[in-house]
Every structure is written in structure tokens, then in C-alpha cells.
PDB file of N, CA and C in Angstrom:
ATOM      1  N   ALA A   1       7.750   8.742  10.345  1.00  0.00           N
ATOM      2  CA  ALA A   1       7.731   7.505  11.092  1.00  0.00           C
ATOM      3  C   ALA A   1       6.746   7.603  12.267  1.00  0.00           C
ATOM      4  N   GLU A   2       6.720   8.751  12.914  1.00  0.00           N
ATOM      5  CA  GLU A   2       5.813   8.928  14.055  1.00  0.00           C
ATOM      6  C   GLU A   2       4.351   8.860  13.605  1.00  0.00           C
ATOM      7  N   ASP A   3       4.026   9.500  12.485  1.00  0.00           N
ATOM      8  CA  ASP A   3       2.657   9.439  11.963  1.00  0.00           C
ATOM      9  C   ASP A   3       2.253   8.005  11.655  1.00  0.00           C
ATOM     10  N   TRP A   4       3.146   7.271  11.001  1.00  0.00           N
ATOM     11  CA  TRP A   4       2.879   5.868  10.669  1.00  0.00           C
ATOM     12  C   TRP A   4       2.662   5.054  11.942  1.00  0.00           C
ATOM     13  N   TYR A   5       3.547   5.215  12.908  1.00  0.00           N
ATOM     14  CA  TYR A   5       3.474   4.468  14.162  1.00  0.00           C
ATOM     15  C   TYR A   5       2.160   4.731  14.889  1.00  0.00           C
ATOM     16  N   GLN A   6       1.775   5.980  14.992  1.00  0.00           N
ATOM     17  CA  GLN A   6       0.556   6.342  15.721  1.00  0.00           C
ATOM     18  C   GLN A   6      -0.711   5.815  15.047  1.00  0.00           C
ATOM     19  N   SER A   7      -0.656   5.611  13.731  1.00  0.00           N
ATOM     20  CA  SER A   7      -1.859   5.147  13.029  1.00  0.00           C
ATOM     21  C   SER A   7      -1.806   3.657  12.700  1.00  0.00           C
ATOM     22  N   SER A   8      -0.843   2.935  13.263  1.00  0.00           N
ATOM     23  CA  SER A   8      -0.741   1.508  12.969  1.00  0.00           C
ATOM     24  C   SER A   8      -0.914   0.668  14.232  1.00  0.00           C
ATOM     25  N   TYR A   9      -1.096  -0.608  14.020  1.00  0.00           N
ATOM     26  CA  TYR A   9      -1.252  -1.542  15.127  1.00  0.00           C
ATOM     27  C   TYR A   9       0.050  -1.705  15.917  1.00  0.00           C
ATOM     28  N   CYS A  10       1.150  -1.314  15.314  1.00  0.00           N
ATOM     29  CA  CYS A  10       2.458  -1.440  15.983  1.00  0.00           C
ATOM     30  C   CYS A  10       2.519  -0.683  17.310  1.00  0.00           C
ATOM     31  N   ARG A  11       1.779   0.379  17.423  1.00  0.00           N
ATOM     32  CA  ARG A  11       1.821   1.139  18.680  1.00  0.00           C
ATOM     33  C   ARG A  11       1.296   0.308  19.850  1.00  0.00           C
ATOM     34  N   TYR A  12       0.443  -0.684  19.575  1.00  0.00           N
ATOM     35  CA  TYR A  12      -0.030  -1.586  20.618  1.00  0.00           C
ATOM     36  C   TYR A  12       0.959  -2.725  20.863  1.00  0.00           C
ATOM     37  N   LEU A  13       1.562  -3.209  19.784  1.00  0.00           N
ATOM     38  CA  LEU A  13       2.525  -4.302  19.915  1.00  0.00           C
ATOM     39  C   LEU A  13       3.827  -3.850  20.574  1.00  0.00           C
ATOM     40  N   PHE A  14       4.240  -2.615  20.263  1.00  0.00           N
ATOM     41  CA  PHE A  14       5.503  -2.084  20.755  1.00  0.00           C
ATOM     42  C   PHE A  14       5.293  -0.699  21.364  1.00  0.00           C
ATOM     43  N   PRO A  15       4.625  -0.638  22.529  1.00  0.00           N
ATOM     44  CA  PRO A  15       4.289   0.668  23.110  1.00  0.00           C
ATOM     45  C   PRO A  15       5.509   1.468  23.558  1.00  0.00           C
ATOM     46  N   GLU A  16       6.639   0.826  23.756  1.00  0.00           N
ATOM     47  CA  GLU A  16       7.845   1.530  24.197  1.00  0.00           C
ATOM     48  C   GLU A  16       8.818   1.792  23.044  1.00  0.00           C
ATOM     49  N   ALA A  17       8.359   1.686  21.813  1.00  0.00           N
ATOM     50  CA  ALA A  17       9.247   1.875  20.659  1.00  0.00           C
ATOM     51  C   ALA A  17       9.878   3.262  20.666  1.00  0.00           C
ATOM     52  N   ASP A  18      11.166   3.313  20.404  1.00  0.00           N
ATOM     53  CA  ASP A  18      11.903   4.573  20.344  1.00  0.00           C
ATOM     54  C   ASP A  18      12.035   4.991  18.889  1.00  0.00           C
ATOM     55  N   LEU A  19      11.317   6.016  18.504  1.00  0.00           N
ATOM     56  CA  LEU A  19      11.339   6.477  17.121  1.00  0.00           C
ATOM     57  C   LEU A  19      12.295   7.640  16.898  1.00  0.00           C
ATOM     58  N   SER A  20      13.143   7.914  17.866  1.00  0.00           N
ATOM     59  CA  SER A  20      14.033   9.061  17.738  1.00  0.00           C
ATOM     60  C   SER A  20      15.267   8.767  16.891  1.00  0.00           C
ATOM     61  N   SER A  21      15.527   7.510  16.600  1.00  0.00           N
ATOM     62  CA  SER A  21      16.708   7.146  15.819  1.00  0.00           C
ATOM     63  C   SER A  21      16.579   7.615  14.372  1.00  0.00           C
ATOM     64  N   GLN A  22      17.685   8.050  13.806  1.00  0.00           N
ATOM     65  CA  GLN A  22      17.703   8.442  12.396  1.00  0.00           C
ATOM     66  C   GLN A  22      17.620   7.225  11.490  1.00  0.00           C
ATOM     67  N   ARG A  23      17.768   6.038  12.047  1.00  0.00           N
ATOM     68  CA  ARG A  23      17.728   4.817  11.246  1.00  0.00           C
ATOM     69  C   ARG A  23      16.304   4.317  11.020  1.00  0.00           C
ATOM     70  N   ILE A  24      15.329   4.984  11.631  1.00  0.00           N
ATOM     71  CA  ILE A  24      13.936   4.578  11.457  1.00  0.00           C
ATOM     72  C   ILE A  24      13.558   4.604   9.983  1.00  0.00           C
ATOM     73  N   SER A  25      13.958   5.644   9.265  1.00  0.00           N
ATOM     74  CA  SER A  25      13.595   5.726   7.851  1.00  0.00           C
ATOM     75  C   SER A  25      14.208   4.579   7.061  1.00  0.00           C
ATOM     76  N   GLU A  26      15.391   4.113   7.461  1.00  0.00           N
ATOM     77  CA  GLU A  26      15.998   2.965   6.789  1.00  0.00           C
ATOM     78  C   GLU A  26      15.170   1.702   7.027  1.00  0.00           C
ATOM     79  N   LEU A  27      14.668   1.538   8.240  1.00  0.00           N
ATOM     80  CA  LEU A  27      13.817   0.388   8.552  1.00  0.00           C
ATOM     81  C   LEU A  27      12.538   0.429   7.721  1.00  0.00           C
ATOM     82  N   LEU A  28      11.899   1.588   7.664  1.00  0.00           N
ATOM     83  CA  LEU A  28      10.668   1.705   6.888  1.00  0.00           C
ATOM     84  C   LEU A  28      10.929   1.441   5.404  1.00  0.00           C
ATOM     85  N   GLU A  29      12.085   1.862   4.922  1.00  0.00           N
ATOM     86  CA  GLU A  29      12.446   1.602   3.527  1.00  0.00           C
ATOM     87  C   GLU A  29      12.581   0.098   3.283  1.00  0.00           C
ATOM     88  N   GLN A  30      13.200  -0.609   4.216  1.00  0.00           N
ATOM     89  CA  GLN A  30      13.341  -2.060   4.070  1.00  0.00           C
ATOM     90  C   GLN A  30      11.986  -2.760   4.121  1.00  0.00           C
ATOM     91  N   LEU A  31      11.135  -2.334   5.042  1.00  0.00           N
ATOM     92  CA  LEU A  31       9.801  -2.940   5.145  1.00  0.00           C
ATOM     93  C   LEU A  31       9.001  -2.745   3.861  1.00  0.00           C
ATOM     94  N   GLY A  32       9.197  -1.617   3.211  1.00  0.00           N
ATOM     95  CA  GLY A  32       8.450  -1.306   2.003  1.00  0.00           C
ATOM     96  C   GLY A  32       9.123  -1.724   0.719  1.00  0.00           C
ATOM     97  N   SER A  33      10.190  -2.486   0.800  1.00  0.00           N
ATOM     98  CA  SER A  33      10.899  -2.882  -0.419  1.00  0.00           C
ATOM     99  C   SER A  33      10.038  -3.813  -1.268  1.00  0.00           C
ATOM    100  N   GLU A  34      10.238  -3.752  -2.564  1.00  0.00           N
ATOM    101  CA  GLU A  34       9.496  -4.600  -3.498  1.00  0.00           C
ATOM    102  C   GLU A  34       9.662  -6.080  -3.148  1.00  0.00           C
ATOM    103  N   GLU A  35      10.874  -6.479  -2.806  1.00  0.00           N
ATOM    104  CA  GLU A  35      11.135  -7.883  -2.465  1.00  0.00           C
ATOM    105  C   GLU A  35      10.320  -8.314  -1.252  1.00  0.00           C
ATOM    106  N   ASN A  36      10.270  -7.474  -0.203  1.00  0.00           N
ATOM    107  CA  ASN A  36       9.491  -7.819   0.991  1.00  0.00           C
ATOM    108  C   ASN A  36       7.998  -7.836   0.709  1.00  0.00           C
ATOM    109  N   TRP A  37       7.518  -6.922  -0.141  1.00  0.00           N
ATOM    110  CA  TRP A  37       6.099  -6.930  -0.512  1.00  0.00           C
ATOM    111  C   TRP A  37       5.755  -8.234  -1.203  1.00  0.00           C
ATOM    112  N   ARG A  38       6.598  -8.651  -2.138  1.00  0.00           N
ATOM    113  CA  ARG A  38       6.329  -9.887  -2.876  1.00  0.00           C
ATOM    114  C   ARG A  38       6.328 -11.097  -1.935  1.00  0.00           C
ATOM    115  N   LEU A  39       7.292 -11.142  -1.017  1.00  0.00           N
ATOM    116  CA  LEU A  39       7.341 -12.242  -0.045  1.00  0.00           C
ATOM    117  C   LEU A  39       6.100 -12.251   0.841  1.00  0.00           C
ATOM    118  N   PHE A  40       5.689 -11.061   1.288  1.00  0.00           N
ATOM    119  CA  PHE A  40       4.508 -10.971   2.140  1.00  0.00           C
ATOM    120  C   PHE A  40       3.273 -11.477   1.407  1.00  0.00           C
ATOM    121  N   PHE A  41       3.016 -10.989   0.194  1.00  0.00           N
ATOM    122  CA  PHE A  41       1.801 -11.381  -0.503  1.00  0.00           C
ATOM    123  C   PHE A  41       1.829 -12.847  -0.929  1.00  0.00           C
ATOM    124  N   LYS A  42       2.986 -13.386  -1.209  1.00  0.00           N
ATOM    125  CA  LYS A  42       3.076 -14.812  -1.504  1.00  0.00           C
ATOM    126  C   LYS A  42       2.641 -15.628  -0.280  1.00  0.00           C
ATOM    127  N   ALA A  43       3.152 -15.258   0.894  1.00  0.00           N
ATOM    128  CA  ALA A  43       2.777 -15.956   2.134  1.00  0.00           C
ATOM    129  C   ALA A  43       1.311 -15.684   2.493  1.00  0.00           C
ATOM    130  N   TYR A  44       0.847 -14.460   2.293  1.00  0.00           N
ATOM    131  CA  TYR A  44      -0.521 -14.087   2.646  1.00  0.00           C
ATOM    132  C   TYR A  44      -1.534 -14.839   1.789  1.00  0.00           C
ATOM    133  N   ILE A  45      -1.301 -14.909   0.481  1.00  0.00           N
ATOM    134  CA  ILE A  45      -2.224 -15.616  -0.397  1.00  0.00           C
ATOM    135  C   ILE A  45      -2.205 -17.109  -0.084  1.00  0.00           C
ATOM    136  N   HIS A  46      -1.058 -17.640   0.278  1.00  0.00           N
ATOM    137  CA  HIS A  46      -0.981 -19.037   0.725  1.00  0.00           C
ATOM    138  C   HIS A  46      -1.840 -19.228   1.979  1.00  0.00           C
ATOM    139  N   TRP A  47      -1.767 -18.276   2.908  1.00  0.00           N
ATOM    140  CA  TRP A  47      -2.591 -18.340   4.122  1.00  0.00           C
ATOM    141  C   TRP A  47      -4.071 -18.294   3.772  1.00  0.00           C
ATOM    142  N   LEU A  48      -4.459 -17.435   2.818  1.00  0.00           N
ATOM    143  CA  LEU A  48      -5.859 -17.387   2.392  1.00  0.00           C
ATOM    144  C   LEU A  48      -6.292 -18.747   1.857  1.00  0.00           C
ATOM    145  N   ASP A  49      -5.434 -19.353   1.035  1.00  0.00           N
ATOM    146  CA  ASP A  49      -5.746 -20.682   0.492  1.00  0.00           C
ATOM    147  C   ASP A  49      -5.924 -21.705   1.608  1.00  0.00           C
ATOM    148  N   GLN A  50      -4.998 -21.714   2.563  1.00  0.00           N
ATOM    149  CA  GLN A  50      -5.053 -22.686   3.663  1.00  0.00           C
ATOM    150  C   GLN A  50      -6.251 -22.448   4.583  1.00  0.00           C
ATOM    151  N   SER A  51      -6.698 -21.208   4.670  1.00  0.00           N
ATOM    152  CA  SER A  51      -7.827 -20.860   5.539  1.00  0.00           C
ATOM    153  C   SER A  51      -9.169 -21.216   4.920  1.00  0.00           C
ATOM    154  N   GLY A  52      -9.157 -21.557   3.643  1.00  0.00           N
ATOM    155  CA  GLY A  52     -10.403 -21.902   2.974  1.00  0.00           C
ATOM    156  C   GLY A  52     -11.236 -20.694   2.599  1.00  0.00           C
ATOM    157  N   ILE A  53     -10.633 -19.512   2.628  1.00  0.00           N
ATOM    158  CA  ILE A  53     -11.354 -18.294   2.263  1.00  0.00           C
ATOM    159  C   ILE A  53     -11.414 -18.194   0.747  1.00  0.00           C
ATOM    160  N   ASP A  54     -12.628 -18.095   0.216  1.00  0.00           N
ATOM    161  CA  ASP A  54     -12.806 -17.961  -1.228  1.00  0.00           C
ATOM    162  C   ASP A  54     -12.628 -16.491  -1.593  1.00  0.00           C
ATOM    163  N   TYR A  55     -11.501 -16.174  -2.175  1.00  0.00           N
ATOM    164  CA  TYR A  55     -11.221 -14.776  -2.503  1.00  0.00           C
ATOM    165  C   TYR A  55     -11.264 -14.534  -4.016  1.00  0.00           C
ATOM    166  N   ARG A  56     -12.045 -15.335  -4.720  1.00  0.00           N
ATOM    167  CA  ARG A  56     -12.144 -15.168  -6.173  1.00  0.00           C
ATOM    168  C   ARG A  56     -13.091 -14.045  -6.578  1.00  0.00           C
ATOM    169  N   LYS A  57     -14.013 -13.668  -5.699  1.00  0.00           N
ATOM    170  CA  LYS A  57     -14.903 -12.541  -5.976  1.00  0.00           C
ATOM    171  C   LYS A  57     -14.240 -11.301  -5.403  1.00  0.00           C
ATOM    172  N   ILE A  58     -13.700 -10.488  -6.275  1.00  0.00           N
ATOM    173  CA  ILE A  58     -12.912  -9.356  -5.797  1.00  0.00           C
ATOM    174  C   ILE A  58     -13.409  -8.028  -6.358  1.00  0.00           C
ATOM    175  N   ILE A  59     -13.037  -6.979  -5.658  1.00  0.00           N
ATOM    176  CA  ILE A  59     -13.257  -5.610  -6.104  1.00  0.00           C
ATOM    177  C   ILE A  59     -11.884  -4.976  -6.199  1.00  0.00           C
ATOM    178  N   ILE A  60     -11.626  -4.282  -7.304  1.00  0.00           N
ATOM    179  CA  ILE A  60     -10.352  -3.599  -7.497  1.00  0.00           C
ATOM    180  C   ILE A  60     -10.626  -2.110  -7.532  1.00  0.00           C
ATOM    181  N   ASP A  61      -9.911  -1.372  -6.713  1.00  0.00           N
ATOM    182  CA  ASP A  61     -10.060   0.074  -6.681  1.00  0.00           C
ATOM    183  C   ASP A  61      -8.686   0.711  -6.821  1.00  0.00           C
ATOM    184  N   SER A  62      -8.615   1.669  -7.695  1.00  0.00           N
ATOM    185  CA  SER A  62      -7.386   2.419  -7.887  1.00  0.00           C
ATOM    186  C   SER A  62      -7.685   3.870  -7.560  1.00  0.00           C
ATOM    187  N   THR A  63      -6.887   4.451  -6.697  1.00  0.00           N
ATOM    188  CA  THR A  63      -7.144   5.831  -6.288  1.00  0.00           C
ATOM    189  C   THR A  63      -5.859   6.640  -6.275  1.00  0.00           C
ATOM    190  N   GLY A  64      -5.975   7.910  -6.555  1.00  0.00           N
ATOM    191  CA  GLY A  64      -4.827   8.802  -6.541  1.00  0.00           C
ATOM    192  C   GLY A  64      -4.635   9.409  -5.165  1.00  0.00           C
ATOM    193  N   LEU A  65      -3.399   9.449  -4.712  1.00  0.00           N
ATOM    194  CA  LEU A  65      -3.062  10.061  -3.426  1.00  0.00           C
ATOM    195  C   LEU A  65      -2.213  11.291  -3.688  1.00  0.00           C
ATOM    196  N   PRO A  66      -2.710  12.479  -3.341  1.00  0.00           N
ATOM    197  CA  PRO A  66      -1.930  13.693  -3.577  1.00  0.00           C
ATOM    198  C   PRO A  66      -0.558  13.591  -2.910  1.00  0.00           C
ATOM    199  N   ASN A  67       0.461  14.006  -3.632  1.00  0.00           N
ATOM    200  CA  ASN A  67       1.822  13.874  -3.130  1.00  0.00           C
ATOM    201  C   ASN A  67       2.740  14.780  -3.937  1.00  0.00           C
ATOM    202  N   SER A  68       3.513  15.595  -3.269  1.00  0.00           N
ATOM    203  CA  SER A  68       4.465  16.456  -3.966  1.00  0.00           C
ATOM    204  C   SER A  68       5.900  16.174  -3.547  1.00  0.00           C
ATOM    205  N   ILE A  69       6.146  14.992  -2.995  1.00  0.00           N
ATOM    206  CA  ILE A  69       7.498  14.601  -2.621  1.00  0.00           C
ATOM    207  C   ILE A  69       8.239  14.208  -3.888  1.00  0.00           C
ATOM    208  N   HIS A  70       9.492  14.605  -3.992  1.00  0.00           N
ATOM    209  CA  HIS A  70      10.286  14.284  -5.182  1.00  0.00           C
ATOM    210  C   HIS A  70      10.880  12.891  -5.068  1.00  0.00           C
ATOM    211  N   PHE A  71      10.190  11.908  -5.634  1.00  0.00           N
ATOM    212  CA  PHE A  71      10.728  10.568  -5.753  1.00  0.00           C
ATOM    213  C   PHE A  71      10.041   9.900  -6.947  1.00  0.00           C
ATOM    214  N   PRO A  72      10.547   8.769  -7.428  1.00  0.00           N
ATOM    215  CA  PRO A  72      10.142   8.231  -8.725  1.00  0.00           C
ATOM    216  C   PRO A  72       8.648   7.976  -8.935  1.00  0.00           C
ATOM    217  N   LEU A  73       7.875   7.765  -7.897  1.00  0.00           N
ATOM    218  CA  LEU A  73       6.467   7.432  -8.089  1.00  0.00           C
ATOM    219  C   LEU A  73       5.545   8.649  -8.170  1.00  0.00           C
ATOM    220  N   THR A  74       6.016   9.802  -7.754  1.00  0.00           N
ATOM    221  CA  THR A  74       5.205  11.008  -7.860  1.00  0.00           C
ATOM    222  C   THR A  74       5.150  11.431  -9.320  1.00  0.00           C
ATOM    223  N   ALA A  75       3.945  11.669  -9.813  1.00  0.00           N
ATOM    224  CA  ALA A  75       3.799  12.061 -11.210  1.00  0.00           C
ATOM    225  C   ALA A  75       2.567  12.948 -11.356  1.00  0.00           C
ATOM    226  N   VAL A  76       2.546  13.707 -12.428  1.00  0.00           N
ATOM    227  CA  VAL A  76       1.417  14.583 -12.715  1.00  0.00           C
ATOM    228  C   VAL A  76       0.261  13.733 -13.222  1.00  0.00           C
ATOM    229  N   SER A  77      -0.908  14.000 -12.668  1.00  0.00           N
ATOM    230  CA  SER A  77      -2.101  13.245 -13.033  1.00  0.00           C
ATOM    231  C   SER A  77      -3.212  14.209 -13.431  1.00  0.00           C
ATOM    232  N   ASN A  78      -4.117  13.740 -14.275  1.00  0.00           N
ATOM    233  CA  ASN A  78      -5.249  14.538 -14.719  1.00  0.00           C
ATOM    234  C   ASN A  78      -6.522  13.726 -14.490  1.00  0.00           C
ATOM    235  N   HIS A  79      -7.323  14.131 -13.503  1.00  0.00           N
ATOM    236  CA  HIS A  79      -8.611  13.493 -13.234  1.00  0.00           C
ATOM    237  C   HIS A  79      -9.714  14.495 -13.523  1.00  0.00           C
ATOM    238  N   ASN A  80     -10.455  14.249 -14.581  1.00  0.00           N
ATOM    239  CA  ASN A  80     -11.571  15.127 -14.960  1.00  0.00           C
ATOM    240  C   ASN A  80     -11.134  16.589 -15.063  1.00  0.00           C
ATOM    241  N   GLY A  81      -9.960  16.815 -15.616  1.00  0.00           N
ATOM    242  CA  GLY A  81      -9.454  18.169 -15.812  1.00  0.00           C
ATOM    243  C   GLY A  81      -8.721  18.751 -14.621  1.00  0.00           C
ATOM    244  N   LYS A  82      -8.702  18.051 -13.486  1.00  0.00           N
ATOM    245  CA  LYS A  82      -7.981  18.525 -12.309  1.00  0.00           C
ATOM    246  C   LYS A  82      -6.559  17.953 -12.347  1.00  0.00           C
ATOM    247  N   ILE A  83      -5.576  18.839 -12.433  1.00  0.00           N
ATOM    248  CA  ILE A  83      -4.177  18.450 -12.509  1.00  0.00           C
ATOM    249  C   ILE A  83      -3.583  18.438 -11.101  1.00  0.00           C
ATOM    250  N   SER A  84      -2.871  17.351 -10.756  1.00  0.00           N
ATOM    251  CA  SER A  84      -2.235  17.281  -9.438  1.00  0.00           C
ATOM    252  C   SER A  84      -1.044  16.324  -9.492  1.00  0.00           C
ATOM    253  N   ASN A  85      -0.173  16.444  -8.508  1.00  0.00           N
ATOM    254  CA  ASN A  85       0.914  15.480  -8.323  1.00  0.00           C
ATOM    255  C   ASN A  85       0.396  14.394  -7.396  1.00  0.00           C
ATOM    256  N   GLU A  86       0.633  13.155  -7.770  1.00  0.00           N
ATOM    257  CA  GLU A  86       0.112  12.084  -6.928  1.00  0.00           C
ATOM    258  C   GLU A  86       0.827  10.760  -7.163  1.00  0.00           C
ATOM    259  N   ILE A  87       0.516   9.824  -6.281  1.00  0.00           N
ATOM    260  CA  ILE A  87       0.885   8.419  -6.397  1.00  0.00           C
ATOM    261  C   ILE A  87      -0.431   7.672  -6.547  1.00  0.00           C
ATOM    262  N   ARG A  88      -0.449   6.582  -7.266  1.00  0.00           N
ATOM    263  CA  ARG A  88      -1.675   5.798  -7.415  1.00  0.00           C
ATOM    264  C   ARG A  88      -1.583   4.564  -6.533  1.00  0.00           C
ATOM    265  N   LEU A  89      -2.644   4.313  -5.770  1.00  0.00           N
ATOM    266  CA  LEU A  89      -2.711   3.173  -4.870  1.00  0.00           C
ATOM    267  C   LEU A  89      -3.809   2.229  -5.354  1.00  0.00           C
ATOM    268  N   ILE A  90      -3.451   0.956  -5.493  1.00  0.00           N
ATOM    269  CA  ILE A  90      -4.390  -0.048  -5.986  1.00  0.00           C
ATOM    270  C   ILE A  90      -4.707  -1.022  -4.855  1.00  0.00           C
ATOM    271  N   PHE A  91      -5.988  -1.220  -4.601  1.00  0.00           N
ATOM    272  CA  PHE A  91      -6.435  -2.185  -3.596  1.00  0.00           C
ATOM    273  C   PHE A  91      -7.258  -3.272  -4.271  1.00  0.00           C
ATOM    274  N   VAL A  92      -7.053  -4.506  -3.847  1.00  0.00           N
ATOM    275  CA  VAL A  92      -7.889  -5.629  -4.267  1.00  0.00           C
ATOM    276  C   VAL A  92      -8.462  -6.200  -2.970  1.00  0.00           C
ATOM    277  N   VAL A  93      -9.789  -6.221  -2.875  1.00  0.00           N
ATOM    278  CA  VAL A  93     -10.437  -6.750  -1.677  1.00  0.00           C
ATOM    279  C   VAL A  93     -11.444  -7.825  -2.058  1.00  0.00           C
ATOM    280  N   GLU A  94     -11.671  -8.757  -1.141  1.00  0.00           N
ATOM    281  CA  GLU A  94     -12.687  -9.787  -1.331  1.00  0.00           C
ATOM    282  C   GLU A  94     -14.044  -9.114  -1.223  1.00  0.00           C
ATOM    283  N   GLU A  95     -14.916  -9.397  -2.168  1.00  0.00           N
ATOM    284  CA  GLU A  95     -16.179  -8.659  -2.292  1.00  0.00           C
ATOM    285  C   GLU A  95     -17.123  -8.807  -1.105  1.00  0.00           C
ATOM    286  N   GLU A  96     -17.303 -10.000  -0.578  1.00  0.00           N
ATOM    287  CA  GLU A  96     -18.342 -10.221   0.422  1.00  0.00           C
ATOM    288  C   GLU A  96     -17.954  -9.782   1.830  1.00  0.00           C
ATOM    289  N   ILE A  97     -16.713 -10.064   2.251  1.00  0.00           N
ATOM    290  CA  ILE A  97     -16.321  -9.688   3.619  1.00  0.00           C
ATOM    291  C   ILE A  97     -15.304  -8.548   3.667  1.00  0.00           C
ATOM    292  N   GLY A  98     -14.872  -8.080   2.505  1.00  0.00           N
ATOM    293  CA  GLY A  98     -13.960  -6.941   2.454  1.00  0.00           C
ATOM    294  C   GLY A  98     -12.540  -7.255   2.872  1.00  0.00           C
ATOM    295  N   LEU A  99     -12.164  -8.518   2.897  1.00  0.00           N
ATOM    296  CA  LEU A  99     -10.809  -8.903   3.281  1.00  0.00           C
ATOM    297  C   LEU A  99      -9.819  -8.451   2.214  1.00  0.00           C
ATOM    298  N   PRO A 100      -8.752  -7.764   2.609  1.00  0.00           N
ATOM    299  CA  PRO A 100      -7.767  -7.346   1.599  1.00  0.00           C
ATOM    300  C   PRO A 100      -7.073  -8.575   1.012  1.00  0.00           C
ATOM    301  N   VAL A 101      -6.876  -8.553  -0.292  1.00  0.00           N
ATOM    302  CA  VAL A 101      -6.189  -9.642  -0.976  1.00  0.00           C
ATOM    303  C   VAL A 101      -4.831  -9.169  -1.486  1.00  0.00           C
ATOM    304  N   PHE A 102      -4.763  -7.925  -1.932  1.00  0.00           N
ATOM    305  CA  PHE A 102      -3.529  -7.410  -2.504  1.00  0.00           C
ATOM    306  C   PHE A 102      -3.590  -5.890  -2.512  1.00  0.00           C
ATOM    307  N   MET A 103      -2.423  -5.253  -2.469  1.00  0.00           N
ATOM    308  CA  MET A 103      -2.347  -3.812  -2.685  1.00  0.00           C
ATOM    309  C   MET A 103      -0.995  -3.499  -3.276  1.00  0.00           C
ATOM    310  N   ARG A 104      -0.939  -2.413  -3.999  1.00  0.00           N
ATOM    311  CA  ARG A 104       0.303  -2.014  -4.648  1.00  0.00           C
ATOM    312  C   ARG A 104       0.223  -0.527  -4.946  1.00  0.00           C
ATOM    313  N   TYR A 105       1.355   0.122  -4.957  1.00  0.00           N
ATOM    314  CA  TYR A 105       1.404   1.515  -5.367  1.00  0.00           C
ATOM    315  C   TYR A 105       2.149   1.599  -6.686  1.00  0.00           C
ATOM    316  N   VAL A 106       1.718   2.528  -7.532  1.00  0.00           N
ATOM    317  CA  VAL A 106       2.345   2.731  -8.833  1.00  0.00           C
ATOM    318  C   VAL A 106       2.482   4.230  -9.074  1.00  0.00           C
ATOM    319  N   GLN A 107       3.159   4.553 -10.153  1.00  0.00           N
ATOM    320  CA  GLN A 107       3.358   5.961 -10.496  1.00  0.00           C
ATOM    321  C   GLN A 107       2.016   6.652 -10.700  1.00  0.00           C
ATOM    322  N   GLY A 108       1.921   7.876 -10.228  1.00  0.00           N
ATOM    323  CA  GLY A 108       0.664   8.613 -10.245  1.00  0.00           C
ATOM    324  C   GLY A 108       0.100   8.916 -11.608  1.00  0.00           C
ATOM    325  N   SER A 109       0.902   8.895 -12.654  1.00  0.00           N
ATOM    326  CA  SER A 109       0.408   9.226 -13.984  1.00  0.00           C
ATOM    327  C   SER A 109      -0.230   8.039 -14.693  1.00  0.00           C
ATOM    328  N   ILE A 110      -0.188   6.863 -14.103  1.00  0.00           N
ATOM    329  CA  ILE A 110      -0.773   5.678 -14.727  1.00  0.00           C
ATOM    330  C   ILE A 110      -2.293   5.736 -14.579  1.00  0.00           C
ATOM    331  N   VAL A 111      -3.001   5.581 -15.689  1.00  0.00           N
ATOM    332  CA  VAL A 111      -4.456   5.670 -15.652  1.00  0.00           C
ATOM    333  C   VAL A 111      -5.062   4.403 -15.072  1.00  0.00           C
ATOM    334  N   ASP A 112      -6.287   4.524 -14.549  1.00  0.00           N
ATOM    335  CA  ASP A 112      -6.937   3.413 -13.857  1.00  0.00           C
ATOM    336  C   ASP A 112      -6.908   2.104 -14.654  1.00  0.00           C
ATOM    337  N   ILE A 113      -7.302   2.133 -15.903  1.00  0.00           N
ATOM    338  CA  ILE A 113      -7.402   0.901 -16.674  1.00  0.00           C
ATOM    339  C   ILE A 113      -6.054   0.215 -16.822  1.00  0.00           C
ATOM    340  N   SER A 114      -4.980   0.979 -16.848  1.00  0.00           N
ATOM    341  CA  SER A 114      -3.630   0.389 -16.973  1.00  0.00           C
ATOM    342  C   SER A 114      -3.183  -0.297 -15.694  1.00  0.00           C
ATOM    343  N   THR A 115      -3.729   0.092 -14.559  1.00  0.00           N
ATOM    344  CA  THR A 115      -3.324  -0.548 -13.305  1.00  0.00           C
ATOM    345  C   THR A 115      -3.815  -1.985 -13.230  1.00  0.00           C
ATOM    346  N   LEU A 116      -4.897  -2.287 -13.933  1.00  0.00           N
ATOM    347  CA  LEU A 116      -5.429  -3.653 -13.937  1.00  0.00           C
ATOM    348  C   LEU A 116      -4.495  -4.589 -14.679  1.00  0.00           C
TER     349      LEU A 116
END
């Protein structure tokens, strides 16, 4: 939680945040829930539409993030013969200004073409 806080904009919004509580991990779990992600992106894409931003020209990038934590998304991956445990992170960005349109994480063993 401390690493996340220090590298996010929240440290400016909430400079007096107390991260010593054991309930912090529960909060982060709620923020990262599938339901909240879906609600966020539904509202975000609506905002893009209302803003008049043309986000039809996109770039999709899927990348592996090394990870050896035991949870459902960690999986063995093979990239050019290099075997590792990882999670796969997918980013969709608007091509011309680089505005993020969508992101999602999936199991690390899923190959790039399948993430599309």
C-alpha cells in the first residue's frame, strides 16, 4: 500500500493519509474489484464521448509483468524461450495524444493475440 501511495497522485490529494491500518489491503482490493473497474471504464468512456475526443485510433499493447505471488492471475509464461511467472497487462491508448482508453490485467499465461 505504501509503494502504491508514494507512486500515485493520491499522495498529493491526501497528504495526511494513514496507511498503518491493516484494513488498507481491503480498501485496495475493493478499488481493484472487477465490478468497480467496469463501472469506472463505463463512466470514463462516456466522458471521452462527451468531451469530443476521437479515440477510435488506438494502440493496444500487452506486456508481461514478472510476479511470483501466489494468486489466480500469476502463471508461467514463455517469451522467446524465457520462462517466468507473470501477470499480463493490456493497455489501450489513443494513438495521437496517448490518452489511455482502457486497461486490464489477465492471467500471465495468455498469449498476446488472445488478449485482443
